[in-house]
Structure formats: C-alpha cells, structure tokens
C-alpha cells in the first residue's frame, strides 16, 4: 500500500498527515467487518502492522486510542483462521489464481 510506504517517511510531518487522515481510520475498521475480501484483508493487516510500529502511535496512548477502537473487535477475523470463512478464503484464492494464470488451475 502506498500509505504504508509513506508511513516510513523520515519526516514526522509527512507521517502525521497520513495518521491524521480519516481514510486511515476507515481502512483499519475494515479489519472488523463481517465479510471482507481476503486479499484486501491481508493488505489492511499489513498496513495496520506498519501503522502500529510508528513511534507516533506506539508511544502515545491517546493518539493510539482511535486506531485501537478500530481493531478492538477482530473476532470477525477468527473464521478466516480455519473455521467457517476458511473455505471462502480458498475460493477467493482460486478465483485470483485463475484470473492470473488462465492455463493453470488449482484443484
């Protein structure tokens, strides 16, 4: 994600512009949606990891609080880890693989 790359900026002002943008909070909230495309969910989880590693979020409890609220209910992710949604995940992987590799199939 481009936002994730920008979080690695050496300039604190650049990171703060991203961290204060409401779209970042909306992206993080996707992790708590009941049904999310697994490819998008993976990307959002990687972005969240980058986000929580920034000093601005990691070292300031008040600043972290809205991001924490956005991820507080991650129970929606549990089914992707081998329960009900696991088969949806496999179906999506097959769909993406088929679109990328028209001559090869996954059985």
PDB file of N, CA and C in Angstrom:
ATOM      1  N   UNK A   1       0.834  -1.179   0.000  1.00  0.00           N
ATOM      2  CA  UNK A   1       0.000   0.000   0.000  1.00  0.00           C
ATOM      3  C   UNK A   1       0.878   1.241   0.000  1.00  0.00           C
ATOM      4  N   UNK A   2       0.475   2.226  -0.722  1.00  0.00           N
ATOM      5  CA  UNK A   2       1.199   3.488  -0.768  1.00  0.00           C
ATOM      6  C   UNK A   2       1.213   4.161   0.587  1.00  0.00           C
ATOM      7  N   UNK A   3       0.100   4.144   1.302  1.00  0.00           N
ATOM      8  CA  UNK A   3       0.060   4.768   2.623  1.00  0.00           C
ATOM      9  C   UNK A   3       1.060   4.114   3.563  1.00  0.00           C
ATOM     10  N   UNK A   4       1.177   2.807   3.478  1.00  0.00           N
ATOM     11  CA  UNK A   4       2.149   2.096   4.303  1.00  0.00           C
ATOM     12  C   UNK A   4       3.569   2.538   4.008  1.00  0.00           C
ATOM     13  N   UNK A   5       3.874   2.748   2.758  1.00  0.00           N
ATOM     14  CA  UNK A   5       5.209   3.228   2.379  1.00  0.00           C
ATOM     15  C   UNK A   5       5.447   4.633   2.896  1.00  0.00           C
ATOM     16  N   UNK A   6       4.434   5.467   2.833  1.00  0.00           N
ATOM     17  CA  UNK A   6       4.573   6.842   3.312  1.00  0.00           C
ATOM     18  C   UNK A   6       4.739   6.906   4.831  1.00  0.00           C
ATOM     19  N   UNK A   7       4.243   5.893   5.529  1.00  0.00           N
ATOM     20  CA  UNK A   7       4.428   5.863   6.977  1.00  0.00           C
ATOM     21  C   UNK A   7       5.904   5.713   7.358  1.00  0.00           C
ATOM     22  N   UNK A   8       6.692   5.207   6.429  1.00  0.00           N
ATOM     23  CA  UNK A   8       8.126   5.032   6.679  1.00  0.00           C
ATOM     24  C   UNK A   8       8.924   6.295   6.392  1.00  0.00           C
ATOM     25  N   UNK A   9       8.261   7.375   6.093  1.00  0.00           N
ATOM     26  CA  UNK A   9       8.927   8.633   5.778  1.00  0.00           C
ATOM     27  C   UNK A   9       9.791   9.098   6.951  1.00  0.00           C
ATOM     28  N   UNK A  10      10.924   9.681   6.622  1.00  0.00           N
ATOM     29  CA  UNK A  10      11.815  10.227   7.647  1.00  0.00           C
ATOM     30  C   UNK A  10      11.247  11.501   8.266  1.00  0.00           C
ATOM     31  N   UNK A  11      10.347  12.158   7.553  1.00  0.00           N
ATOM     32  CA  UNK A  11       9.785  13.416   8.041  1.00  0.00           C
ATOM     33  C   UNK A  11       8.522  13.157   8.860  1.00  0.00           C
ATOM     34  N   UNK A  12       8.567  13.583  10.109  1.00  0.00           N
ATOM     35  CA  UNK A  12       7.424  13.388  11.002  1.00  0.00           C
ATOM     36  C   UNK A  12       6.174  14.081  10.460  1.00  0.00           C
ATOM     37  N   UNK A  13       6.346  15.237   9.822  1.00  0.00           N
ATOM     38  CA  UNK A  13       5.195  15.972   9.285  1.00  0.00           C
ATOM     39  C   UNK A  13       4.444  15.134   8.266  1.00  0.00           C
ATOM     40  N   UNK A  14       5.179  14.408   7.426  1.00  0.00           N
ATOM     41  CA  UNK A  14       4.541  13.559   6.410  1.00  0.00           C
ATOM     42  C   UNK A  14       3.762  12.423   7.068  1.00  0.00           C
ATOM     43  N   UNK A  15       4.371  11.787   8.068  1.00  0.00           N
ATOM     44  CA  UNK A  15       3.681  10.700   8.769  1.00  0.00           C
ATOM     45  C   UNK A  15       2.429  11.210   9.473  1.00  0.00           C
ATOM     46  N   UNK A  16       2.521  12.376  10.081  1.00  0.00           N
ATOM     47  CA  UNK A  16       1.375  12.925  10.810  1.00  0.00           C
ATOM     48  C   UNK A  16       0.214  13.233   9.870  1.00  0.00           C
ATOM     49  N   UNK A  17       0.505  13.714   8.665  1.00  0.00           N
ATOM     50  CA  UNK A  17      -0.562  13.985   7.688  1.00  0.00           C
ATOM     51  C   UNK A  17      -1.321  12.702   7.376  1.00  0.00           C
ATOM     52  N   UNK A  18      -0.611  11.611   7.250  1.00  0.00           N
ATOM     53  CA  UNK A  18      -1.242  10.327   6.945  1.00  0.00           C
ATOM     54  C   UNK A  18      -2.018   9.821   8.160  1.00  0.00           C
ATOM     55  N   UNK A  19      -1.376   9.872   9.326  1.00  0.00           N
ATOM     56  CA  UNK A  19      -2.002   9.354  10.543  1.00  0.00           C
ATOM     57  C   UNK A  19      -3.267  10.109  10.933  1.00  0.00           C
ATOM     58  N   UNK A  20      -3.335  11.376  10.588  1.00  0.00           N
ATOM     59  CA  UNK A  20      -4.495  12.186  10.928  1.00  0.00           C
ATOM     60  C   UNK A  20      -5.593  12.136   9.873  1.00  0.00           C
ATOM     61  N   UNK A  21      -5.328  11.493   8.766  1.00  0.00           N
ATOM     62  CA  UNK A  21      -6.316  11.391   7.692  1.00  0.00           C
ATOM     63  C   UNK A  21      -7.404  10.383   8.083  1.00  0.00           C
ATOM     64  N   UNK A  22      -8.651  10.746   7.900  1.00  0.00           N
ATOM     65  CA  UNK A  22      -9.762   9.863   8.286  1.00  0.00           C
ATOM     66  C   UNK A  22      -9.792   8.566   7.486  1.00  0.00           C
ATOM     67  N   UNK A  23      -9.224   8.575   6.287  1.00  0.00           N
ATOM     68  CA  UNK A  23      -9.232   7.356   5.479  1.00  0.00           C
ATOM     69  C   UNK A  23      -8.432   6.248   6.170  1.00  0.00           C
ATOM     70  N   UNK A  24      -7.433   6.602   6.938  1.00  0.00           N
ATOM     71  CA  UNK A  24      -6.642   5.605   7.663  1.00  0.00           C
ATOM     72  C   UNK A  24      -7.519   4.901   8.701  1.00  0.00           C
ATOM     73  N   UNK A  25      -8.341   5.643   9.403  1.00  0.00           N
ATOM     74  CA  UNK A  25      -9.250   5.043  10.385  1.00  0.00           C
ATOM     75  C   UNK A  25     -10.272   4.143   9.693  1.00  0.00           C
ATOM     76  N   UNK A  26     -10.732   4.555   8.536  1.00  0.00           N
ATOM     77  CA  UNK A  26     -11.682   3.736   7.780  1.00  0.00           C
ATOM     78  C   UNK A  26     -11.033   2.441   7.296  1.00  0.00           C
ATOM     79  N   UNK A  27      -9.792   2.530   6.855  1.00  0.00           N
ATOM     80  CA  UNK A  27      -9.074   1.324   6.422  1.00  0.00           C
ATOM     81  C   UNK A  27      -8.920   0.343   7.579  1.00  0.00           C
ATOM     82  N   UNK A  28      -8.528   0.852   8.725  1.00  0.00           N
ATOM     83  CA  UNK A  28      -8.340  -0.013   9.893  1.00  0.00           C
ATOM     84  C   UNK A  28      -9.661  -0.676  10.293  1.00  0.00           C
ATOM     85  N   UNK A  29     -10.753   0.047  10.172  1.00  0.00           N
ATOM     86  CA  UNK A  29     -12.050  -0.524  10.566  1.00  0.00           C
ATOM     87  C   UNK A  29     -12.463  -1.688   9.672  1.00  0.00           C
ATOM     88  N   UNK A  30     -11.902  -1.790   8.479  1.00  0.00           N
ATOM     89  CA  UNK A  30     -12.225  -2.909   7.575  1.00  0.00           C
ATOM     90  C   UNK A  30     -11.882  -4.243   8.232  1.00  0.00           C
ATOM     91  N   UNK A  31     -10.885  -4.244   9.109  1.00  0.00           N
ATOM     92  CA  UNK A  31     -10.483  -5.481   9.767  1.00  0.00           C
ATOM     93  C   UNK A  31     -11.582  -6.045  10.659  1.00  0.00           C
ATOM     94  N   UNK A  32     -12.557  -5.235  11.030  1.00  0.00           N
ATOM     95  CA  UNK A  32     -13.629  -5.726  11.895  1.00  0.00           C
ATOM     96  C   UNK A  32     -14.928  -5.986  11.134  1.00  0.00           C
ATOM     97  N   UNK A  33     -14.909  -5.865   9.811  1.00  0.00           N
ATOM     98  CA  UNK A  33     -16.113  -6.159   9.022  1.00  0.00           C
ATOM     99  C   UNK A  33     -16.385  -7.659   9.014  1.00  0.00           C
ATOM    100  N   UNK A  34     -17.645  -7.994   8.896  1.00  0.00           N
ATOM    101  CA  UNK A  34     -18.029  -9.403   8.940  1.00  0.00           C
ATOM    102  C   UNK A  34     -17.495 -10.190   7.733  1.00  0.00           C
ATOM    103  N   UNK A  35     -17.571  -9.586   6.559  1.00  0.00           N
ATOM    104  CA  UNK A  35     -17.077 -10.287   5.361  1.00  0.00           C
ATOM    105  C   UNK A  35     -16.223  -9.318   4.565  1.00  0.00           C
ATOM    106  N   UNK A  36     -14.988  -9.706   4.345  1.00  0.00           N
ATOM    107  CA  UNK A  36     -14.041  -8.878   3.611  1.00  0.00           C
ATOM    108  C   UNK A  36     -13.277  -9.755   2.639  1.00  0.00           C
ATOM    109  N   UNK A  37     -13.008  -9.220   1.492  1.00  0.00           N
ATOM    110  CA  UNK A  37     -12.185  -9.935   0.525  1.00  0.00           C
ATOM    111  C   UNK A  37     -10.857 -10.275   1.188  1.00  0.00           C
ATOM    112  N   UNK A  38     -10.422 -11.535   1.126  1.00  0.00           N
ATOM    113  CA  UNK A  38      -9.201 -11.942   1.825  1.00  0.00           C
ATOM    114  C   UNK A  38      -7.936 -11.227   1.342  1.00  0.00           C
ATOM    115  N   UNK A  39      -7.880 -10.870   0.084  1.00  0.00           N
ATOM    116  CA  UNK A  39      -6.708 -10.153  -0.426  1.00  0.00           C
ATOM    117  C   UNK A  39      -6.665  -8.747   0.168  1.00  0.00           C
ATOM    118  N   UNK A  40      -7.812  -8.084   0.204  1.00  0.00           N
ATOM    119  CA  UNK A  40      -7.901  -6.759   0.828  1.00  0.00           C
ATOM    120  C   UNK A  40      -7.594  -6.859   2.321  1.00  0.00           C
ATOM    121  N   UNK A  41      -8.138  -7.853   2.987  1.00  0.00           N
ATOM    122  CA  UNK A  41      -7.919  -8.035   4.414  1.00  0.00           C
ATOM    123  C   UNK A  41      -6.430  -8.233   4.720  1.00  0.00           C
ATOM    124  N   UNK A  42      -5.753  -9.004   3.912  1.00  0.00           N
ATOM    125  CA  UNK A  42      -4.311  -9.213   4.090  1.00  0.00           C
ATOM    126  C   UNK A  42      -3.561  -7.904   3.971  1.00  0.00           C
ATOM    127  N   UNK A  43      -3.908  -7.143   2.968  1.00  0.00           N
ATOM    128  CA  UNK A  43      -3.259  -5.852   2.745  1.00  0.00           C
ATOM    129  C   UNK A  43      -3.508  -4.894   3.911  1.00  0.00           C
ATOM    130  N   UNK A  44      -4.729  -4.853   4.401  1.00  0.00           N
ATOM    131  CA  UNK A  44      -5.080  -3.981   5.527  1.00  0.00           C
ATOM    132  C   UNK A  44      -4.332  -4.422   6.786  1.00  0.00           C
ATOM    133  N   UNK A  45      -4.222  -5.715   7.014  1.00  0.00           N
ATOM    134  CA  UNK A  45      -3.494  -6.213   8.189  1.00  0.00           C
ATOM    135  C   UNK A  45      -2.013  -5.823   8.120  1.00  0.00           C
ATOM    136  N   UNK A  46      -1.431  -5.902   6.953  1.00  0.00           N
ATOM    137  CA  UNK A  46      -0.025  -5.479   6.798  1.00  0.00           C
ATOM    138  C   UNK A  46       0.123  -3.986   7.050  1.00  0.00           C
ATOM    139  N   UNK A  47      -0.833  -3.218   6.557  1.00  0.00           N
ATOM    140  CA  UNK A  47      -0.808  -1.777   6.797  1.00  0.00           C
ATOM    141  C   UNK A  47      -0.951  -1.483   8.286  1.00  0.00           C
ATOM    142  N   UNK A  48      -1.859  -2.194   8.960  1.00  0.00           N
ATOM    143  CA  UNK A  48      -2.063  -1.984  10.397  1.00  0.00           C
ATOM    144  C   UNK A  48      -0.783  -2.270  11.174  1.00  0.00           C
ATOM    145  N   UNK A  49      -0.068  -3.300  10.781  1.00  0.00           N
ATOM    146  CA  UNK A  49       1.201  -3.608  11.443  1.00  0.00           C
ATOM    147  C   UNK A  49       2.182  -2.445  11.292  1.00  0.00           C
ATOM    148  N   UNK A  50       2.298  -1.910  10.079  1.00  0.00           N
ATOM    149  CA  UNK A  50       3.166  -0.742   9.857  1.00  0.00           C
ATOM    150  C   UNK A  50       2.702   0.440  10.690  1.00  0.00           C
ATOM    151  N   UNK A  51       1.414   0.637  10.744  1.00  0.00           N
ATOM    152  CA  UNK A  51       0.838   1.739  11.496  1.00  0.00           C
ATOM    153  C   UNK A  51       1.182   1.639  12.981  1.00  0.00           C
ATOM    154  N   UNK A  52       0.987   0.456  13.552  1.00  0.00           N
ATOM    155  CA  UNK A  52       1.229   0.278  14.981  1.00  0.00           C
ATOM    156  C   UNK A  52       2.714   0.284  15.331  1.00  0.00           C
ATOM    157  N   UNK A  53       3.572   0.172  14.341  1.00  0.00           N
ATOM    158  CA  UNK A  53       5.017   0.250  14.589  1.00  0.00           C
ATOM    159  C   UNK A  53       5.544   1.681  14.575  1.00  0.00           C
ATOM    160  N   UNK A  54       4.750   2.624  14.084  1.00  0.00           N
ATOM    161  CA  UNK A  54       5.223   4.011  14.066  1.00  0.00           C
ATOM    162  C   UNK A  54       5.307   4.533  15.492  1.00  0.00           C
ATOM    163  N   UNK A  55       6.317   5.344  15.758  1.00  0.00           N
ATOM    164  CA  UNK A  55       6.505   5.894  17.104  1.00  0.00           C
ATOM    165  C   UNK A  55       5.311   6.727  17.546  1.00  0.00           C
ATOM    166  N   UNK A  56       4.715   7.461  16.614  1.00  0.00           N
ATOM    167  CA  UNK A  56       3.580   8.322  16.956  1.00  0.00           C
ATOM    168  C   UNK A  56       2.427   7.516  17.546  1.00  0.00           C
ATOM    169  N   UNK A  57       2.195   6.339  17.021  1.00  0.00           N
ATOM    170  CA  UNK A  57       1.092   5.503  17.500  1.00  0.00           C
ATOM    171  C   UNK A  57       1.550   4.645  18.680  1.00  0.00           C
ATOM    172  N   UNK A  58       2.710   4.063  18.552  1.00  0.00           N
ATOM    173  CA  UNK A  58       3.216   3.128  19.568  1.00  0.00           C
ATOM    174  C   UNK A  58       3.485   3.791  20.914  1.00  0.00           C
ATOM    175  N   UNK A  59       3.961   5.022  20.894  1.00  0.00           N
ATOM    176  CA  UNK A  59       4.398   5.667  22.130  1.00  0.00           C
ATOM    177  C   UNK A  59       3.386   6.641  22.740  1.00  0.00           C
ATOM    178  N   UNK A  60       2.270   6.850  22.064  1.00  0.00           N
ATOM    179  CA  UNK A  60       1.291   7.820  22.564  1.00  0.00           C
ATOM    180  C   UNK A  60      -0.073   7.145  22.698  1.00  0.00           C
ATOM    181  N   UNK A  61      -0.433   6.812  23.923  1.00  0.00           N
ATOM    182  CA  UNK A  61      -1.674   6.079  24.180  1.00  0.00           C
ATOM    183  C   UNK A  61      -2.906   6.827  23.675  1.00  0.00           C
ATOM    184  N   UNK A  62      -2.930   8.139  23.869  1.00  0.00           N
ATOM    185  CA  UNK A  62      -4.070   8.935  23.416  1.00  0.00           C
ATOM    186  C   UNK A  62      -4.176   8.931  21.885  1.00  0.00           C
ATOM    187  N   UNK A  63      -3.043   9.016  21.218  1.00  0.00           N
ATOM    188  CA  UNK A  63      -3.032   9.007  19.757  1.00  0.00           C
ATOM    189  C   UNK A  63      -3.424   7.626  19.224  1.00  0.00           C
ATOM    190  N   UNK A  64      -3.040   6.567  19.949  1.00  0.00           N
ATOM    191  CA  UNK A  64      -3.332   5.206  19.503  1.00  0.00           C
ATOM    192  C   UNK A  64      -4.797   4.830  19.705  1.00  0.00           C
ATOM    193  N   UNK A  65      -5.460   5.445  20.635  1.00  0.00           N
ATOM    194  CA  UNK A  65      -6.806   5.051  21.033  1.00  0.00           C
ATOM    195  C   UNK A  65      -7.798   4.892  19.876  1.00  0.00           C
ATOM    196  N   UNK A  66      -7.906   5.833  18.932  1.00  0.00           N
ATOM    197  CA  UNK A  66      -8.874   5.615  17.835  1.00  0.00           C
ATOM    198  C   UNK A  66      -8.509   4.435  16.934  1.00  0.00           C
ATOM    199  N   UNK A  67      -7.219   4.173  16.775  1.00  0.00           N
ATOM    200  CA  UNK A  67      -6.803   3.017  15.972  1.00  0.00           C
ATOM    201  C   UNK A  67      -7.124   1.728  16.722  1.00  0.00           C
ATOM    202  N   UNK A  68      -6.911   1.757  18.030  1.00  0.00           N
ATOM    203  CA  UNK A  68      -7.236   0.601  18.859  1.00  0.00           C
ATOM    204  C   UNK A  68      -8.735   0.298  18.778  1.00  0.00           C
ATOM    205  N   UNK A  69      -9.556   1.337  18.893  1.00  0.00           N
ATOM    206  CA  UNK A  69     -11.008   1.139  18.792  1.00  0.00           C
ATOM    207  C   UNK A  69     -11.383   0.497  17.465  1.00  0.00           C
ATOM    208  N   UNK A  70     -10.681   0.885  16.404  1.00  0.00           N
ATOM    209  CA  UNK A  70     -10.977   0.329  15.087  1.00  0.00           C
ATOM    210  C   UNK A  70     -10.627  -1.137  14.945  1.00  0.00           C
ATOM    211  N   UNK A  71      -9.741  -1.622  15.803  1.00  0.00           N
ATOM    212  CA  UNK A  71      -9.331  -3.027  15.738  1.00  0.00           C
ATOM    213  C   UNK A  71      -9.776  -3.825  16.955  1.00  0.00           C
ATOM    214  N   UNK A  72     -10.499  -3.217  17.860  1.00  0.00           N
ATOM    215  CA  UNK A  72     -10.855  -3.879  19.122  1.00  0.00           C
ATOM    216  C   UNK A  72     -11.691  -5.136  18.923  1.00  0.00           C
ATOM    217  N   UNK A  73     -12.480  -5.192  17.874  1.00  0.00           N
ATOM    218  CA  UNK A  73     -13.340  -6.356  17.645  1.00  0.00           C
ATOM    219  C   UNK A  73     -12.850  -7.134  16.429  1.00  0.00           C
ATOM    220  N   UNK A  74     -11.766  -7.834  16.609  1.00  0.00           N
ATOM    221  CA  UNK A  74     -11.218  -8.621  15.498  1.00  0.00           C
ATOM    222  C   UNK A  74     -11.788 -10.039  15.466  1.00  0.00           C
ATOM    223  N   UNK A  75     -12.848 -10.269  16.221  1.00  0.00           N
ATOM    224  CA  UNK A  75     -13.442 -11.607  16.220  1.00  0.00           C
ATOM    225  C   UNK A  75     -13.929 -12.004  14.835  1.00  0.00           C
ATOM    226  N   UNK A  76     -14.164 -11.016  13.969  1.00  0.00           N
ATOM    227  CA  UNK A  76     -14.601 -11.317  12.601  1.00  0.00           C
ATOM    228  C   UNK A  76     -13.487 -11.994  11.797  1.00  0.00           C
ATOM    229  N   UNK A  77     -12.252 -11.863  12.252  1.00  0.00           N
ATOM    230  CA  UNK A  77     -11.136 -12.491  11.535  1.00  0.00           C
ATOM    231  C   UNK A  77     -10.956 -13.957  11.906  1.00  0.00           C
ATOM    232  N   UNK A  78     -11.429 -14.364  13.060  1.00  0.00           N
ATOM    233  CA  UNK A  78     -11.229 -15.731  13.544  1.00  0.00           C
ATOM    234  C   UNK A  78     -11.735 -16.779  12.549  1.00  0.00           C
ATOM    235  N   UNK A  79     -12.919 -16.595  11.957  1.00  0.00           N
ATOM    236  CA  UNK A  79     -13.375 -17.608  10.995  1.00  0.00           C
ATOM    237  C   UNK A  79     -12.438 -17.807   9.793  1.00  0.00           C
ATOM    238  N   UNK A  80     -11.634 -16.793   9.467  1.00  0.00           N
ATOM    239  CA  UNK A  80     -10.680 -16.939   8.358  1.00  0.00           C
ATOM    240  C   UNK A  80      -9.493 -17.821   8.754  1.00  0.00           C
ATOM    241  N   UNK A  81      -9.334 -18.079  10.036  1.00  0.00           N
ATOM    242  CA  UNK A  81      -8.175 -18.818  10.518  1.00  0.00           C
ATOM    243  C   UNK A  81      -8.439 -20.320  10.619  1.00  0.00           C
ATOM    244  N   UNK A  82      -9.414 -20.817   9.892  1.00  0.00           N
ATOM    245  CA  UNK A  82      -9.636 -22.249   9.845  1.00  0.00           C
ATOM    246  C   UNK A  82     -11.047 -22.683  10.169  1.00  0.00           C
ATOM    247  N   UNK A  83     -11.947 -21.750  10.316  1.00  0.00           N
ATOM    248  CA  UNK A  83     -13.321 -22.117  10.642  1.00  0.00           C
ATOM    249  C   UNK A  83     -14.219 -21.841   9.444  1.00  0.00           C
ATOM    250  N   UNK A  84     -15.376 -21.236   9.676  1.00  0.00           N
ATOM    251  CA  UNK A  84     -16.397 -21.058   8.650  1.00  0.00           C
ATOM    252  C   UNK A  84     -15.904 -20.352   7.386  1.00  0.00           C
ATOM    253  N   UNK A  85     -15.136 -19.286   7.525  1.00  0.00           N
ATOM    254  CA  UNK A  85     -14.731 -18.475   6.370  1.00  0.00           C
ATOM    255  C   UNK A  85     -13.516 -19.042   5.647  1.00  0.00           C
ATOM    256  N   UNK A  86     -12.920 -20.066   6.200  1.00  0.00           N
ATOM    257  CA  UNK A  86     -11.712 -20.626   5.584  1.00  0.00           C
ATOM    258  C   UNK A  86     -11.986 -21.059   4.152  1.00  0.00           C
ATOM    259  N   UNK A  87     -13.138 -21.651   3.915  1.00  0.00           N
ATOM    260  CA  UNK A  87     -13.456 -22.125   2.568  1.00  0.00           C
ATOM    261  C   UNK A  87     -13.733 -20.961   1.610  1.00  0.00           C
ATOM    262  N   UNK A  88     -14.268 -19.858   2.140  1.00  0.00           N
ATOM    263  CA  UNK A  88     -14.404 -18.639   1.329  1.00  0.00           C
ATOM    264  C   UNK A  88     -13.021 -18.138   0.915  1.00  0.00           C
ATOM    265  N   UNK A  89     -12.089 -18.225   1.846  1.00  0.00           N
ATOM    266  CA  UNK A  89     -10.715 -17.812   1.577  1.00  0.00           C
ATOM    267  C   UNK A  89     -10.106 -18.656   0.462  1.00  0.00           C
ATOM    268  N   UNK A  90     -10.307 -19.948   0.523  1.00  0.00           N
ATOM    269  CA  UNK A  90      -9.794 -20.858  -0.510  1.00  0.00           C
ATOM    270  C   UNK A  90     -10.450 -20.546  -1.857  1.00  0.00           C
ATOM    271  N   UNK A  91     -11.762 -20.313  -1.862  1.00  0.00           N
ATOM    272  CA  UNK A  91     -12.471 -19.992  -3.104  1.00  0.00           C
ATOM    273  C   UNK A  91     -11.938 -18.696  -3.709  1.00  0.00           C
ATOM    274  N   UNK A  92     -11.685 -17.710  -2.876  1.00  0.00           N
ATOM    275  CA  UNK A  92     -11.138 -16.448  -3.378  1.00  0.00           C
ATOM    276  C   UNK A  92      -9.739 -16.639  -3.933  1.00  0.00           C
ATOM    277  N   UNK A  93      -8.943 -17.444  -3.256  1.00  0.00           N
ATOM    278  CA  UNK A  93      -7.590 -17.710  -3.742  1.00  0.00           C
ATOM    279  C   UNK A  93      -7.640 -18.379  -5.113  1.00  0.00           C
ATOM    280  N   UNK A  94      -8.567 -19.302  -5.270  1.00  0.00           N
ATOM    281  CA  UNK A  94      -8.723 -19.968  -6.579  1.00  0.00           C
ATOM    282  C   UNK A  94      -9.146 -18.966  -7.643  1.00  0.00           C
ATOM    283  N   UNK A  95     -10.059 -18.063  -7.285  1.00  0.00           N
ATOM    284  CA  UNK A  95     -10.538 -17.051  -8.239  1.00  0.00           C
ATOM    285  C   UNK A  95      -9.383 -16.158  -8.684  1.00  0.00           C
ATOM    286  N   UNK A  96      -8.583 -15.674  -7.730  1.00  0.00           N
ATOM    287  CA  UNK A  96      -7.454 -14.815  -8.081  1.00  0.00           C
ATOM    288  C   UNK A  96      -6.402 -15.571  -8.881  1.00  0.00           C
ATOM    289  N   UNK A  97      -6.169 -16.824  -8.509  1.00  0.00           N
ATOM    290  CA  UNK A  97      -5.178 -17.623  -9.234  1.00  0.00           C
ATOM    291  C   UNK A  97      -5.637 -17.855 -10.672  1.00  0.00           C
ATOM    292  N   UNK A  98      -6.922 -18.162 -10.848  1.00  0.00           N
ATOM    293  CA  UNK A  98      -7.458 -18.421 -12.192  1.00  0.00           C
ATOM    294  C   UNK A  98      -7.370 -17.152 -13.058  1.00  0.00           C
ATOM    295  N   UNK A  99      -7.620 -15.999 -12.481  1.00  0.00           N
ATOM    296  CA  UNK A  99      -7.567 -14.747 -13.243  1.00  0.00           C
ATOM    297  C   UNK A  99      -6.133 -14.438 -13.656  1.00  0.00           C
ATOM    298  N   UNK A 100      -5.185 -14.810 -12.826  1.00  0.00           N
ATOM    299  CA  UNK A 100      -3.781 -14.501 -13.095  1.00  0.00           C
ATOM    300  C   UNK A 100      -3.136 -15.560 -13.994  1.00  0.00           C
ATOM    301  N   UNK A 101      -3.573 -16.804 -13.864  1.00  0.00           N
ATOM    302  CA  UNK A 101      -2.963 -17.934 -14.585  1.00  0.00           C
ATOM    303  C   UNK A 101      -4.036 -18.702 -15.343  1.00  0.00           C
ATOM    304  N   UNK A 102      -4.441 -18.194 -16.476  1.00  0.00           N
ATOM    305  CA  UNK A 102      -5.559 -18.769 -17.220  1.00  0.00           C
ATOM    306  C   UNK A 102      -5.344 -20.220 -17.626  1.00  0.00           C
ATOM    307  N   UNK A 103      -4.088 -20.648 -17.832  1.00  0.00           N
ATOM    308  CA  UNK A 103      -3.817 -22.008 -18.293  1.00  0.00           C
ATOM    309  C   UNK A 103      -3.683 -23.001 -17.155  1.00  0.00           C
ATOM    310  N   UNK A 104      -3.536 -22.541 -15.925  1.00  0.00           N
ATOM    311  CA  UNK A 104      -3.330 -23.432 -14.789  1.00  0.00           C
ATOM    312  C   UNK A 104      -4.530 -23.356 -13.860  1.00  0.00           C
ATOM    313  N   UNK A 105      -4.883 -24.485 -13.268  1.00  0.00           N
ATOM    314  CA  UNK A 105      -5.992 -24.458 -12.306  1.00  0.00           C
ATOM    315  C   UNK A 105      -5.539 -25.075 -10.979  1.00  0.00           C
ATOM    316  N   UNK A 106      -6.202 -24.678  -9.934  1.00  0.00           N
ATOM    317  CA  UNK A 106      -5.944 -25.240  -8.610  1.00  0.00           C
ATOM    318  C   UNK A 106      -7.130 -26.137  -8.284  1.00  0.00           C
ATOM    319  N   UNK A 107      -6.856 -27.372  -7.970  1.00  0.00           N
ATOM    320  CA  UNK A 107      -7.941 -28.315  -7.618  1.00  0.00           C
ATOM    321  C   UNK A 107      -7.937 -28.609  -6.143  1.00  0.00           C
TER     322      UNK A 107
END
